[in-house]
Amino acid sequence: MPARDNFHSVMRIGPVQIGTHRDRNGRTTHAAVCTADRCGWSADYSSQSAAQLAARTHRCRVR
């Protein structure tokens, strides 16, 4: 049975969306994902402040 991946506490900083979810081991993680076309950047962080910092400093290389 696949794990459900429900995001909550979703926020947006520029083109990057940050969402909080539980990983396979039940730990709370924060995912930062760029929503710009053809960017494809995403990362998981253990704290929301780290995800917010990454979102603020992210620059899309695709133009």
N, C-alpha and C. Protein backbone atom coordinates (compact mmCIF):
# COMPACT_ATOMS: atom_id res chain seq x y z
N MET A 1 0.85 -1.17 0.00
CA MET A 1 0.00 0.00 0.00
C MET A 1 0.90 1.24 0.00
N PRO A 2 0.73 2.16 -0.96
CA PRO A 2 1.57 3.35 -1.00
C PRO A 2 1.22 4.31 0.14
N ALA A 3 2.23 5.00 0.60
CA ALA A 3 2.03 5.97 1.69
C ALA A 3 1.29 7.19 1.15
N ARG A 4 0.40 7.73 1.95
CA ARG A 4 -0.29 8.95 1.56
C ARG A 4 0.64 10.13 1.81
N ASP A 5 0.68 11.04 0.89
CA ASP A 5 1.56 12.19 1.01
C ASP A 5 0.71 13.45 1.06
N ASN A 6 0.21 13.76 2.24
CA ASN A 6 -0.65 14.92 2.42
C ASN A 6 0.18 16.09 2.93
N PHE A 7 0.13 17.19 2.21
CA PHE A 7 0.85 18.38 2.63
C PHE A 7 -0.09 19.30 3.40
N HIS A 8 0.45 19.93 4.43
CA HIS A 8 -0.30 20.94 5.15
C HIS A 8 0.66 22.09 5.44
N SER A 9 0.17 23.18 5.93
CA SER A 9 0.97 24.38 6.18
C SER A 9 1.73 24.79 4.93
N VAL A 10 1.02 24.88 3.82
CA VAL A 10 1.64 25.24 2.55
C VAL A 10 1.77 26.76 2.47
N MET A 11 2.97 27.21 2.08
CA MET A 11 3.20 28.64 1.89
C MET A 11 3.98 28.84 0.60
N ARG A 12 3.96 30.05 0.10
CA ARG A 12 4.61 30.35 -1.16
C ARG A 12 5.56 31.53 -0.96
N ILE A 13 6.80 31.38 -1.43
CA ILE A 13 7.79 32.46 -1.43
C ILE A 13 8.30 32.57 -2.85
N GLY A 14 7.86 33.58 -3.56
CA GLY A 14 8.22 33.71 -4.98
C GLY A 14 7.66 32.54 -5.75
N PRO A 15 8.48 31.91 -6.59
CA PRO A 15 7.99 30.75 -7.35
C PRO A 15 8.07 29.44 -6.57
N VAL A 16 8.57 29.50 -5.33
CA VAL A 16 8.80 28.28 -4.54
C VAL A 16 7.66 28.06 -3.55
N GLN A 17 7.14 26.85 -3.51
CA GLN A 17 6.13 26.47 -2.53
C GLN A 17 6.78 25.58 -1.48
N ILE A 18 6.39 25.80 -0.22
CA ILE A 18 6.90 25.01 0.90
C ILE A 18 5.71 24.31 1.54
N GLY A 19 5.83 23.02 1.74
CA GLY A 19 4.76 22.25 2.37
C GLY A 19 5.32 21.31 3.43
N THR A 20 4.56 21.11 4.49
CA THR A 20 4.97 20.22 5.57
C THR A 20 4.26 18.88 5.39
N HIS A 21 4.99 17.79 5.57
CA HIS A 21 4.41 16.46 5.43
C HIS A 21 5.18 15.48 6.29
N ARG A 22 4.69 14.27 6.40
CA ARG A 22 5.37 13.21 7.13
C ARG A 22 6.02 12.27 6.12
N ASP A 23 7.27 11.90 6.38
CA ASP A 23 7.96 10.98 5.48
C ASP A 23 7.59 9.53 5.80
N ARG A 24 8.24 8.57 5.16
CA ARG A 24 7.91 7.15 5.34
C ARG A 24 8.12 6.68 6.77
N ASN A 25 9.04 7.32 7.48
CA ASN A 25 9.36 6.91 8.85
C ASN A 25 8.53 7.65 9.89
N GLY A 26 7.60 8.47 9.45
CA GLY A 26 6.73 9.19 10.37
C GLY A 26 7.28 10.50 10.88
N ARG A 27 8.45 10.90 10.38
CA ARG A 27 9.04 12.18 10.80
C ARG A 27 8.46 13.32 9.98
N THR A 28 8.32 14.47 10.62
CA THR A 28 7.82 15.65 9.92
C THR A 28 8.96 16.28 9.13
N THR A 29 8.75 16.47 7.84
CA THR A 29 9.74 17.12 6.98
C THR A 29 9.06 18.24 6.21
N HIS A 30 9.88 19.11 5.64
CA HIS A 30 9.40 20.27 4.92
C HIS A 30 9.98 20.22 3.51
N ALA A 31 9.12 20.24 2.53
CA ALA A 31 9.56 20.16 1.13
C ALA A 31 9.45 21.54 0.51
N ALA A 32 10.50 21.93 -0.21
CA ALA A 32 10.51 23.17 -0.97
C ALA A 32 10.58 22.79 -2.44
N VAL A 33 9.64 23.32 -3.26
CA VAL A 33 9.54 22.94 -4.66
C VAL A 33 9.35 24.19 -5.50
N CYS A 34 10.17 24.34 -6.56
CA CYS A 34 10.00 25.47 -7.47
C CYS A 34 8.92 25.13 -8.49
N THR A 35 7.99 26.05 -8.69
CA THR A 35 6.87 25.80 -9.58
C THR A 35 7.07 26.43 -10.96
N ALA A 36 8.25 27.00 -11.23
CA ALA A 36 8.52 27.59 -12.54
C ALA A 36 8.64 26.48 -13.59
N ASP A 37 8.25 26.81 -14.81
CA ASP A 37 8.31 25.83 -15.90
C ASP A 37 9.76 25.41 -16.15
N ARG A 38 9.98 24.12 -16.30
CA ARG A 38 11.26 23.49 -16.63
C ARG A 38 12.36 23.73 -15.60
N CYS A 39 12.03 24.15 -14.39
CA CYS A 39 13.07 24.33 -13.38
C CYS A 39 13.40 22.99 -12.73
N GLY A 40 12.41 22.33 -12.14
CA GLY A 40 12.61 21.00 -11.59
C GLY A 40 13.33 20.95 -10.25
N TRP A 41 13.53 22.07 -9.58
CA TRP A 41 14.25 22.08 -8.31
C TRP A 41 13.30 21.70 -7.17
N SER A 42 13.76 20.82 -6.29
CA SER A 42 13.01 20.48 -5.08
C SER A 42 14.00 19.92 -4.06
N ALA A 43 13.64 20.08 -2.79
CA ALA A 43 14.50 19.57 -1.71
C ALA A 43 13.67 19.38 -0.46
N ASP A 44 14.09 18.43 0.37
CA ASP A 44 13.45 18.18 1.67
C ASP A 44 14.36 18.70 2.78
N TYR A 45 13.74 19.28 3.80
CA TYR A 45 14.48 19.84 4.93
C TYR A 45 13.85 19.38 6.22
N SER A 46 14.65 19.35 7.28
CA SER A 46 14.14 18.90 8.57
C SER A 46 13.50 20.03 9.36
N SER A 47 13.77 21.28 8.99
CA SER A 47 13.15 22.42 9.68
C SER A 47 12.53 23.36 8.66
N GLN A 48 11.49 24.04 9.10
CA GLN A 48 10.79 24.95 8.20
C GLN A 48 11.64 26.19 7.91
N SER A 49 12.44 26.62 8.87
CA SER A 49 13.29 27.79 8.63
C SER A 49 14.34 27.51 7.56
N ALA A 50 14.85 26.29 7.51
CA ALA A 50 15.80 25.92 6.46
C ALA A 50 15.13 25.90 5.09
N ALA A 51 13.90 25.42 5.03
CA ALA A 51 13.16 25.41 3.77
C ALA A 51 12.84 26.84 3.31
N GLN A 52 12.51 27.72 4.25
CA GLN A 52 12.25 29.11 3.91
C GLN A 52 13.51 29.81 3.41
N LEU A 53 14.64 29.54 4.02
CA LEU A 53 15.90 30.12 3.58
C LEU A 53 16.24 29.66 2.17
N ALA A 54 16.04 28.37 1.90
CA ALA A 54 16.31 27.84 0.57
C ALA A 54 15.37 28.46 -0.46
N ALA A 55 14.12 28.69 -0.09
CA ALA A 55 13.16 29.30 -1.01
C ALA A 55 13.54 30.75 -1.31
N ARG A 56 14.01 31.46 -0.30
CA ARG A 56 14.38 32.86 -0.50
C ARG A 56 15.63 33.00 -1.35
N THR A 57 16.55 32.05 -1.29
CA THR A 57 17.81 32.15 -2.02
C THR A 57 17.80 31.39 -3.33
N HIS A 58 16.72 30.68 -3.67
CA HIS A 58 16.66 29.90 -4.90
C HIS A 58 16.58 30.81 -6.11
N ARG A 59 17.40 30.52 -7.10
CA ARG A 59 17.36 31.22 -8.37
C ARG A 59 17.23 30.19 -9.49
N CYS A 60 16.21 30.33 -10.31
CA CYS A 60 16.00 29.39 -11.41
C CYS A 60 17.08 29.63 -12.48
N ARG A 61 17.68 28.56 -12.94
CA ARG A 61 18.70 28.68 -13.99
C ARG A 61 18.07 28.66 -15.38
N VAL A 62 16.85 28.18 -15.50
CA VAL A 62 16.16 28.09 -16.79
C VAL A 62 15.53 29.44 -17.10
N ARG A 63 15.80 29.95 -18.24
CA ARG A 63 15.19 31.23 -18.66
C ARG A 63 14.50 31.06 -19.97
